[in-house]
Amino acid sequence: MDYRVHRYRSACGRLDLAARDYAAQNPAGGQQAPVLLMMHGLTRNSADFEPLAARLAGRYRMIVPDQRGRGLSQWDPDPAQYRPDVYAQDMLALLDDLGIVRAGLIGTSMGGLMAMVMNALRPGLAQAAIFNDIGPVLDPAGLARIQSYVGPSGAMADWSEAAARTRAINASAFPDYGSADWAAFARRVARENADGSVSFAYDPAIAQSVAGDDPQTVPPDLWPLWDLLDEVPVLVVRGALSDLLSAATAQEMARRHAGAYAGVEVPRVGHAPILDEPAALAEIEVFLKEHVT
């Protein structure tokens, strides 16, 4: 799919950040197409949404950023700034730069935490929000697994090794994936270096935000932020094998949300669904058609 790369300054003004801007076909009458802001997880980048963007092509203007320290965005010399409240401010700066005042928010994992913060900082911004395998409570088992692999890992010799390492990290979440799936996955999360080696497309220093028993990437109590979403239509996507978003937490999210709520569980997928799975995609398309116009 074609897109243009939009460059903008971080909220703090220190960093050069990047976002993909997928154009949409204008609806009848010359109205502007509805906007989706799609926010990736901790070790991912804008390429993570390629499969979903391909399915939604033409119907929405999709803004898909590389958070600071990922993809084409500049690394932050201060690793303490790698946290959701800072990323959320960057997202508001991006939307302001593009003149966007309303959007549907889609957040995978860390991106969902950002969506909660954004809604608190700017009520009325979100037309609707999709939370991909994330909620106000993070299961310690999933957090420990993430802590075990994120950070410095050394360059990989080639794309074959990158696919193998990607599989080693994520195999429990995608037990039905084959060789072609892992090769495509690696291409989305890694990049080729000048010498032909391959590295994951993030600053290893992001590991500091999830280190120890009190990770910076997870605010101490997110339920108050979740409660602020009552007037925002939400869809919660959960991987049936998820070790980060428990079924109990998803049920509590539904119980506490007083407004329009939908939920779907993706079979035989863990943290986090790619969102092109048939179960997820069917719910996403219906939800967006109803709430993001």
Protein backbone atom coordinates (compact mmCIF):
# COMPACT_ATOMS: atom_id res chain seq x y z
CA MET A 1 0.00 0.00 0.00
CA ASP A 2 1.15 3.50 -0.77
CA TYR A 3 1.61 6.07 1.96
CA ARG A 4 3.57 9.23 2.54
CA VAL A 5 5.93 9.71 5.47
CA HIS A 6 4.96 12.69 7.57
CA ARG A 7 7.72 14.26 9.63
CA TYR A 8 6.95 16.26 12.75
CA ARG A 9 8.52 17.39 15.99
CA SER A 10 7.94 15.66 19.30
CA ALA A 11 5.87 17.38 21.96
CA CYS A 12 9.06 18.32 23.79
CA GLY A 13 10.47 19.81 20.57
CA ARG A 14 13.72 17.83 20.75
CA LEU A 15 13.10 14.91 18.43
CA ASP A 16 12.31 14.33 14.77
CA LEU A 17 9.46 11.82 14.58
CA ALA A 18 7.78 10.05 11.67
CA ALA A 19 4.37 8.68 10.83
CA ARG A 20 2.86 6.92 7.85
CA ASP A 21 -0.11 8.74 6.33
CA TYR A 22 -2.32 6.44 4.27
CA ALA A 23 -4.68 8.49 2.13
CA ALA A 24 -8.35 7.57 1.80
CA GLN A 25 -10.92 7.95 -0.91
CA ASN A 26 -13.12 10.96 -0.18
CA PRO A 27 -16.74 10.05 0.53
CA ALA A 28 -19.50 11.39 -1.65
CA GLY A 29 -20.13 15.09 -1.28
CA GLY A 30 -16.47 15.97 -0.81
CA GLN A 31 -16.45 15.30 2.93
CA GLN A 32 -13.18 14.40 4.53
CA ALA A 33 -12.61 10.70 5.12
CA PRO A 34 -12.74 9.50 8.74
CA VAL A 35 -9.36 9.32 10.47
CA LEU A 36 -7.78 6.43 12.35
CA LEU A 37 -4.73 6.87 14.56
CA MET A 38 -3.08 3.46 14.90
CA MET A 39 -0.53 3.06 17.72
CA HIS A 40 1.85 0.12 18.03
CA GLY A 41 3.24 -1.79 20.99
CA LEU A 42 6.50 -1.57 22.91
CA THR A 43 8.95 -3.17 20.47
CA ARG A 44 6.97 -2.64 17.27
CA ASN A 45 6.68 0.21 14.77
CA SER A 46 4.31 1.51 12.12
CA ALA A 47 4.83 -1.59 9.96
CA ASP A 48 2.95 -3.59 12.61
CA PHE A 49 -0.33 -2.29 11.15
CA GLU A 50 0.42 -3.16 7.53
CA PRO A 51 -1.91 -6.21 7.51
CA LEU A 52 -4.83 -4.27 9.00
CA ALA A 53 -4.18 -1.18 6.87
CA ALA A 54 -4.35 -3.33 3.75
CA ARG A 55 -7.80 -4.57 4.80
CA LEU A 56 -9.12 -1.08 5.58
CA ALA A 57 -7.54 0.61 2.55
CA GLY A 58 -9.54 3.35 0.86
CA ARG A 59 -12.16 3.73 3.57
CA TYR A 60 -10.17 5.67 6.17
CA ARG A 61 -7.27 8.05 6.38
CA MET A 62 -4.88 6.04 8.52
CA ILE A 63 -2.16 7.80 10.52
CA VAL A 64 0.35 5.23 11.75
CA PRO A 65 3.27 6.68 13.76
CA ASP A 66 6.64 5.30 14.75
CA GLN A 67 6.89 6.18 18.42
CA ARG A 68 10.11 7.87 19.55
CA GLY A 69 12.93 5.34 19.49
CA ARG A 70 11.27 3.13 16.86
CA GLY A 71 11.23 2.81 13.10
CA LEU A 72 12.05 6.07 11.34
CA SER A 73 11.66 8.18 14.48
CA GLN A 74 14.66 9.56 16.31
CA TRP A 75 15.98 7.79 19.39
CA ASP A 76 15.65 9.72 22.64
CA PRO A 77 18.98 10.39 24.38
CA ASP A 78 17.07 10.28 27.68
CA PRO A 79 15.61 6.75 28.10
CA ALA A 80 13.45 8.00 30.98
CA GLN A 81 11.22 9.59 28.31
CA TYR A 82 10.26 6.20 26.90
CA ARG A 83 6.87 5.94 28.60
CA PRO A 84 3.18 6.15 27.60
CA ASP A 85 2.40 9.62 28.96
CA VAL A 86 5.25 11.07 26.88
CA TYR A 87 4.20 9.12 23.79
CA ALA A 88 0.63 10.35 24.27
CA GLN A 89 1.84 13.96 24.21
CA ASP A 90 3.71 13.16 20.99
CA MET A 91 0.49 11.82 19.48
CA LEU A 92 -1.37 15.01 20.34
CA ALA A 93 1.46 16.99 18.73
CA LEU A 94 1.15 14.82 15.61
CA LEU A 95 -2.60 15.32 15.34
CA ASP A 96 -2.22 19.06 15.89
CA ASP A 97 0.44 19.19 13.19
CA LEU A 98 -1.94 17.48 10.77
CA GLY A 99 -4.94 19.60 11.82
CA ILE A 100 -6.90 16.57 13.05
CA VAL A 101 -9.34 17.21 15.89
CA ARG A 102 -11.26 13.89 15.96
CA ALA A 103 -10.10 10.37 15.24
CA GLY A 104 -10.71 6.73 15.95
CA LEU A 105 -7.92 5.36 18.13
CA ILE A 106 -6.50 1.87 17.69
CA GLY A 107 -3.88 0.82 20.22
CA THR A 108 -1.98 -2.44 20.42
CA SER A 109 -0.59 -3.19 23.89
CA MET A 110 1.39 -0.05 24.81
CA GLY A 111 -0.59 1.83 22.17
CA GLY A 112 -3.75 1.09 24.13
CA LEU A 113 -2.23 2.56 27.27
CA MET A 114 -1.48 5.65 25.21
CA ALA A 115 -5.09 5.82 24.03
CA MET A 116 -6.30 5.87 27.64
CA VAL A 117 -3.89 8.68 28.49
CA MET A 118 -4.84 10.65 25.37
CA ASN A 119 -8.53 10.44 26.22
CA ALA A 120 -7.81 11.79 29.70
CA LEU A 121 -5.65 14.61 28.35
CA ARG A 122 -8.02 15.62 25.56
CA PRO A 123 -11.65 14.56 26.12
CA GLY A 124 -13.65 14.56 22.92
CA LEU A 125 -10.71 13.60 20.71
CA ALA A 126 -11.62 9.93 20.37
CA GLN A 127 -14.63 9.07 18.22
CA ALA A 128 -14.10 5.48 19.28
CA ALA A 129 -11.24 3.32 20.55
CA ILE A 130 -10.03 -0.21 19.87
CA PHE A 131 -7.85 -1.82 22.53
CA ASN A 132 -5.78 -4.70 21.21
CA ASP A 133 -4.92 -7.13 24.01
CA ILE A 134 -4.45 -4.47 26.65
CA GLY A 135 -6.37 -3.21 29.64
CA PRO A 136 -6.06 -1.44 32.98
CA VAL A 137 -4.39 -4.51 34.57
CA LEU A 138 -1.36 -6.23 33.05
CA ASP A 139 -0.81 -9.86 33.94
CA PRO A 140 2.61 -10.26 35.65
CA ALA A 141 3.37 -13.36 33.55
CA GLY A 142 3.12 -11.42 30.30
CA LEU A 143 5.08 -8.52 31.68
CA ALA A 144 7.86 -10.86 32.79
CA ARG A 145 7.97 -12.44 29.33
CA ILE A 146 8.32 -9.03 27.70
CA GLN A 147 11.08 -8.10 30.14
CA SER A 148 12.92 -11.29 29.18
CA TYR A 149 13.46 -10.36 25.54
CA VAL A 150 13.28 -6.58 25.09
CA GLY A 151 16.56 -4.67 24.97
CA PRO A 152 20.07 -5.19 23.57
CA SER A 153 20.28 -8.41 21.57
CA GLY A 154 22.94 -7.89 18.92
CA ALA A 155 22.59 -7.78 15.16
CA MET A 156 21.39 -10.83 13.24
CA ALA A 157 23.35 -12.11 10.27
CA ASP A 158 20.50 -12.00 7.75
CA TRP A 159 16.74 -12.14 7.36
CA SER A 160 16.70 -15.88 7.89
CA GLU A 161 18.18 -15.46 11.34
CA ALA A 162 15.81 -12.55 12.00
CA ALA A 163 12.82 -14.78 11.23
CA ALA A 164 14.18 -17.48 13.52
CA ARG A 165 14.70 -15.04 16.40
CA THR A 166 11.28 -13.48 15.86
CA ARG A 167 9.78 -16.96 16.04
CA ALA A 168 11.68 -17.78 19.22
CA ILE A 169 10.27 -14.67 20.90
CA ASN A 170 6.69 -14.95 19.67
CA ALA A 171 6.03 -18.65 18.99
CA SER A 172 3.79 -19.11 22.02
CA ALA A 173 1.52 -16.33 20.78
CA PHE A 174 1.17 -17.67 17.23
CA PRO A 175 1.31 -21.48 17.39
CA ASP A 176 -0.15 -21.89 13.90
CA TYR A 177 2.38 -19.70 12.09
CA GLY A 178 4.54 -21.21 9.35
CA SER A 179 7.84 -20.15 7.80
CA ALA A 180 6.29 -17.55 5.49
CA ASP A 181 4.42 -15.96 8.40
CA TRP A 182 7.60 -15.61 10.46
CA ALA A 183 9.52 -14.19 7.51
CA ALA A 184 6.81 -11.53 7.04
CA PHE A 185 6.71 -10.86 10.79
CA ALA A 186 10.48 -10.29 10.85
CA ARG A 187 10.24 -7.80 7.99
CA ARG A 188 7.78 -5.74 10.03
CA VAL A 189 9.76 -5.63 13.28
CA ALA A 190 13.35 -5.42 11.99
CA ARG A 191 15.42 -3.50 9.46
CA GLU A 192 18.49 -4.19 7.35
CA ASN A 193 21.71 -2.43 8.26
CA ALA A 194 24.23 -0.99 5.82
CA ASP A 195 26.45 -4.07 6.14
CA GLY A 196 23.61 -6.46 5.35
CA SER A 197 23.00 -7.54 8.93
CA VAL A 198 19.55 -7.15 10.46
CA SER A 199 18.51 -5.48 13.73
CA PHE A 200 15.23 -4.98 15.50
CA ALA A 201 13.86 -1.53 14.64
CA TYR A 202 13.95 0.01 18.10
CA ASP A 203 16.34 1.67 20.50
CA PRO A 204 17.52 -1.03 22.95
CA ALA A 205 17.24 1.58 25.71
CA ILE A 206 13.45 1.18 25.68
CA ALA A 207 14.13 -1.85 27.89
CA GLN A 208 14.69 0.51 30.79
CA SER A 209 11.00 1.42 30.78
CA VAL A 210 9.97 -2.16 31.59
CA ALA A 211 12.87 -3.06 33.87
CA GLY A 212 12.47 -4.10 37.51
CA ASP A 213 9.37 -4.62 39.62
CA ASP A 214 7.89 -1.16 38.93
CA PRO A 215 8.09 -0.63 35.17
CA GLN A 216 7.69 2.96 33.95
CA THR A 217 5.63 1.81 31.00
CA VAL A 218 2.72 0.82 33.29
CA PRO A 219 1.08 3.54 35.43
CA PRO A 220 0.19 2.31 38.94
CA ASP A 221 -3.60 2.35 38.56
CA LEU A 222 -5.27 2.58 35.17
CA TRP A 223 -8.86 1.94 36.20
CA PRO A 224 -9.59 5.66 36.65
CA LEU A 225 -8.44 6.25 33.07
CA TRP A 226 -10.59 3.38 31.85
CA ASP A 227 -13.60 4.84 33.65
CA LEU A 228 -13.10 8.11 31.75
CA LEU A 229 -13.84 6.23 28.52
CA ASP A 230 -17.52 5.70 29.41
CA GLU A 231 -18.71 8.10 26.72
CA VAL A 232 -16.35 6.64 24.09
CA PRO A 233 -17.44 3.55 22.15
CA VAL A 234 -14.84 0.84 22.71
CA LEU A 235 -13.93 -2.52 21.22
CA VAL A 236 -11.63 -4.80 23.20
CA VAL A 237 -9.77 -7.45 21.23
CA ARG A 238 -8.20 -10.21 23.30
CA GLY A 239 -6.00 -13.06 22.16
CA ALA A 240 -7.39 -16.28 23.62
CA LEU A 241 -3.82 -17.31 24.55
CA SER A 242 -2.87 -13.89 25.91
CA ASP A 243 -0.56 -13.79 28.92
CA LEU A 244 -0.93 -10.00 29.32
CA LEU A 245 -4.69 -9.32 29.25
CA SER A 246 -6.53 -11.89 31.37
CA ALA A 247 -10.09 -12.97 30.65
CA ALA A 248 -11.05 -11.69 34.11
CA THR A 249 -9.70 -8.22 33.37
CA ALA A 250 -11.52 -8.12 30.02
CA GLN A 251 -14.76 -9.07 31.78
CA GLU A 252 -14.25 -6.33 34.36
CA MET A 253 -13.58 -3.82 31.58
CA ALA A 254 -16.94 -4.70 30.05
CA ARG A 255 -18.72 -4.51 33.42
CA ARG A 256 -17.33 -1.06 34.24
CA HIS A 257 -17.92 0.51 30.82
CA ALA A 258 -21.30 2.22 30.84
CA GLY A 259 -21.36 3.16 27.15
CA ALA A 260 -21.14 1.34 23.82
CA TYR A 261 -18.91 -1.69 24.34
CA ALA A 262 -17.94 -4.63 22.17
CA GLY A 263 -15.47 -7.44 22.80
CA VAL A 264 -13.99 -10.26 20.77
CA GLU A 265 -11.60 -13.08 21.59
CA VAL A 266 -9.27 -14.27 18.83
CA PRO A 267 -8.78 -18.05 18.97
CA ARG A 268 -5.31 -19.62 19.03
CA VAL A 269 -3.53 -16.27 19.25
CA GLY A 270 -1.69 -14.74 22.21
CA HIS A 271 -0.23 -11.29 22.80
CA ALA A 272 -0.99 -9.54 20.61
CA PRO A 273 -3.31 -10.26 17.67
CA ILE A 274 -2.17 -8.80 14.33
CA LEU A 275 -5.80 -7.69 13.77
CA ASP A 276 -6.13 -9.29 10.35
CA GLU A 277 -7.39 -12.53 11.92
CA PRO A 278 -10.93 -13.26 10.67
CA ALA A 279 -12.51 -13.01 14.14
CA ALA A 280 -10.82 -9.69 14.89
CA LEU A 281 -11.25 -8.17 11.45
CA ALA A 282 -14.99 -8.90 11.28
CA GLU A 283 -15.61 -7.10 14.58
CA ILE A 284 -13.28 -4.21 13.71
CA GLU A 285 -14.98 -3.51 10.39
CA VAL A 286 -18.46 -3.50 11.93
CA PHE A 287 -17.32 -1.37 14.88
CA LEU A 288 -15.57 1.22 12.74
CA LYS A 289 -18.44 1.45 10.27
CA GLU A 290 -20.80 2.24 13.15
CA HIS A 291 -18.67 4.57 15.23
CA VAL A 292 -15.99 6.22 13.05
CA THR A 293 -17.67 8.20 10.30
